[in-house]
Amino acid sequence: MLQQGDPAPDFTLPSDGGEDVTLSSFLGRKVVLYFYPKDDTPGCTVQACDFRDAASRLEGVDAVVLGVSPDSVSSHRKFRDKHGLNFPLLADEERAVADAYGVWKRKKLYGRTFLGIERSTFLIDEQGRIAEIWRKVKPKGHADMLSELLGA
């Protein structure tokens, strides 16, 4: 299980913009890496729109937002376009990155057990180390809390 101070596992994933995004390419900047279960579902939409609205403030403190889910690139594009999202959504269809960050978990809903993303956020510092971890995130207000924490 990853902890504060650990090196953030590097990865390269395809994005909604059609290009591959590599985490280590952001060395020298803070990265807000958030994992969410599914495009265009109620909680995920609230969270993504909150990050959309906070993106310019976060850029002001040299932080970048990256959203990751197991959805496809085409699903991410539709989600981005529908809600005017202004940060990359990364397709982790094989769930390798979710596994590396320990967010692919056994979950329970309405008495049914299944595997899925535990909504989580990792703040990665300029040296590529994990500065903060939030697990079982509540979507509403999370982006504002991060903005305040970063002084944005």
Protein backbone atom coordinates (compact mmCIF):
# COMPACT_ATOMS: atom_id res chain seq x y z
CA MET A 1 0.00 0.00 0.00
CA LEU A 2 1.44 3.36 -1.04
CA GLN A 3 2.15 5.90 1.68
CA GLN A 4 3.17 9.54 1.95
CA GLY A 5 6.77 10.00 0.91
CA ASP A 6 6.81 7.01 -1.44
CA PRO A 7 7.82 7.58 -5.06
CA ALA A 8 4.68 7.83 -7.18
CA PRO A 9 4.54 4.84 -9.55
CA ASP A 10 5.25 6.15 -13.04
CA PHE A 11 2.93 5.28 -15.90
CA THR A 12 1.96 6.15 -19.44
CA LEU A 13 -1.73 6.06 -20.40
CA PRO A 14 -3.75 7.21 -23.42
CA SER A 15 -5.76 10.39 -22.86
CA ASP A 16 -9.04 11.81 -24.09
CA GLY A 17 -6.97 14.12 -26.31
CA GLY A 18 -5.48 11.22 -28.26
CA GLU A 19 -1.94 11.51 -26.92
CA ASP A 20 -0.18 9.37 -24.34
CA VAL A 21 0.42 11.02 -20.96
CA THR A 22 3.39 10.01 -18.80
CA LEU A 23 3.35 10.95 -15.12
CA SER A 24 7.11 11.58 -14.94
CA SER A 25 6.79 14.25 -17.65
CA PHE A 26 5.30 16.48 -14.92
CA LEU A 27 8.39 16.42 -12.67
CA GLY A 28 8.89 19.95 -11.36
CA ARG A 29 5.11 20.47 -10.98
CA LYS A 30 2.55 19.27 -8.47
CA VAL A 31 0.13 16.65 -9.81
CA VAL A 32 -3.37 16.04 -8.52
CA LEU A 33 -3.96 12.45 -9.64
CA TYR A 34 -7.51 11.38 -9.03
CA PHE A 35 -9.10 8.00 -9.66
CA TYR A 36 -12.83 7.77 -10.27
CA PRO A 37 -15.13 4.83 -11.04
CA LYS A 38 -16.99 5.72 -14.25
CA ASP A 39 -17.51 8.51 -16.76
CA ASP A 40 -20.77 10.45 -16.67
CA THR A 41 -22.19 8.94 -13.49
CA PRO A 42 -23.60 11.36 -10.88
CA GLY A 43 -20.73 11.39 -8.36
CA CYS A 44 -18.03 11.28 -11.01
CA THR A 45 -19.66 14.15 -12.91
CA VAL A 46 -19.83 16.31 -9.76
CA GLN A 47 -16.17 15.61 -9.01
CA ALA A 48 -14.98 16.22 -12.58
CA CYS A 49 -16.93 19.48 -12.88
CA ASP A 50 -15.50 20.65 -9.55
CA PHE A 51 -11.98 19.94 -10.84
CA ARG A 52 -12.88 21.73 -14.10
CA ASP A 53 -13.92 24.79 -12.10
CA ALA A 54 -10.77 24.65 -9.93
CA ALA A 55 -8.31 23.94 -12.77
CA SER A 56 -7.28 27.55 -13.41
CA ARG A 57 -6.68 28.13 -9.68
CA LEU A 58 -4.58 24.96 -9.50
CA GLU A 59 -2.59 25.96 -12.59
CA GLY A 60 -1.87 29.23 -10.75
CA VAL A 61 0.11 27.25 -8.16
CA ASP A 62 1.76 25.13 -10.90
CA ALA A 63 -0.39 22.05 -10.29
CA VAL A 64 -1.88 19.84 -12.98
CA VAL A 65 -5.00 17.67 -12.64
CA LEU A 66 -5.13 14.17 -14.14
CA GLY A 67 -8.28 12.03 -13.93
CA VAL A 68 -8.01 8.25 -14.29
CA SER A 69 -10.68 5.60 -14.74
CA PRO A 70 -10.98 2.23 -16.49
CA ASP A 71 -13.21 3.77 -19.18
CA SER A 72 -12.08 3.93 -22.81
CA VAL A 73 -10.59 6.95 -24.57
CA SER A 74 -13.82 7.40 -26.56
CA SER A 75 -15.89 7.36 -23.35
CA HIS A 76 -13.52 9.96 -21.87
CA ARG A 77 -13.91 12.18 -24.96
CA LYS A 78 -17.70 12.13 -24.70
CA PHE A 79 -17.52 12.88 -20.96
CA ARG A 80 -15.03 15.72 -21.54
CA ASP A 81 -17.07 17.26 -24.35
CA LYS A 82 -20.40 16.96 -22.56
CA HIS A 83 -19.12 18.76 -19.44
CA GLY A 84 -16.43 21.03 -20.90
CA LEU A 85 -13.64 19.39 -18.90
CA ASN A 86 -10.30 21.18 -19.17
CA PHE A 87 -7.82 18.58 -17.91
CA PRO A 88 -6.72 15.18 -19.24
CA LEU A 89 -8.78 12.06 -18.58
CA LEU A 90 -6.64 8.94 -18.80
CA ALA A 91 -7.86 5.51 -19.87
CA ASP A 92 -6.62 2.75 -17.57
CA GLU A 93 -8.57 -0.03 -19.30
CA GLU A 94 -6.23 -2.77 -18.06
CA ARG A 95 -6.39 -1.29 -14.53
CA ALA A 96 -2.60 -1.58 -14.18
CA VAL A 97 -2.26 1.96 -12.81
CA ALA A 98 -5.24 1.48 -10.48
CA ASP A 99 -3.51 -1.66 -9.18
CA ALA A 100 -0.18 0.14 -8.75
CA TYR A 101 -1.89 2.85 -6.68
CA GLY A 102 -3.97 0.34 -4.70
CA VAL A 103 -7.34 1.74 -5.75
CA TRP A 104 -8.74 -1.32 -7.58
CA LYS A 105 -10.69 -2.84 -4.70
CA ARG A 106 -13.43 -5.25 -3.77
CA LYS A 107 -16.56 -3.15 -3.21
CA LYS A 108 -20.07 -3.81 -1.98
CA LEU A 109 -23.24 -2.18 -3.26
CA TYR A 110 -26.79 -3.30 -2.51
CA GLY A 111 -25.49 -6.60 -1.16
CA ARG A 112 -23.50 -7.33 -4.31
CA THR A 113 -19.70 -7.66 -4.21
CA PHE A 114 -17.62 -6.59 -7.20
CA LEU A 115 -14.23 -5.13 -8.12
CA GLY A 116 -14.02 -1.43 -8.89
CA ILE A 117 -12.23 1.85 -8.34
CA GLU A 118 -12.14 3.22 -4.81
CA ARG A 119 -12.48 6.97 -5.43
CA SER A 120 -9.05 8.25 -4.37
CA THR A 121 -6.76 11.22 -4.90
CA PHE A 122 -2.98 11.42 -4.71
CA LEU A 123 -1.12 14.71 -4.48
CA ILE A 124 2.29 14.20 -6.04
CA ASP A 125 5.02 16.74 -5.30
CA GLU A 126 7.49 18.31 -7.71
CA GLN A 127 10.02 15.53 -7.07
CA GLY A 128 7.54 12.78 -7.99
CA ARG A 129 6.82 11.69 -4.43
CA ILE A 130 3.39 11.17 -2.89
CA ALA A 131 2.72 14.18 -0.66
CA GLU A 132 -0.87 13.34 0.39
CA ILE A 133 -3.40 10.54 -0.12
CA TRP A 134 -7.17 10.70 0.20
CA ARG A 135 -9.15 7.46 -0.05
CA LYS A 136 -12.92 6.95 -0.23
CA VAL A 137 -13.25 10.55 -1.38
CA LYS A 138 -16.61 12.29 -1.29
CA PRO A 139 -16.96 13.96 -4.72
CA LYS A 140 -18.56 17.28 -3.71
CA GLY A 141 -16.09 19.86 -2.42
CA HIS A 142 -12.97 17.74 -2.82
CA ALA A 143 -11.46 19.98 -5.53
CA ASP A 144 -12.05 23.09 -3.41
CA MET A 145 -10.37 21.46 -0.42
CA LEU A 146 -7.34 20.63 -2.58
CA SER A 147 -7.26 24.17 -3.98
CA GLU A 148 -7.25 25.62 -0.47
CA LEU A 149 -4.58 23.17 0.69
CA LEU A 150 -2.34 24.22 -2.20
CA GLY A 151 -3.00 27.91 -1.61
CA ALA A 152 -4.81 28.31 -4.92
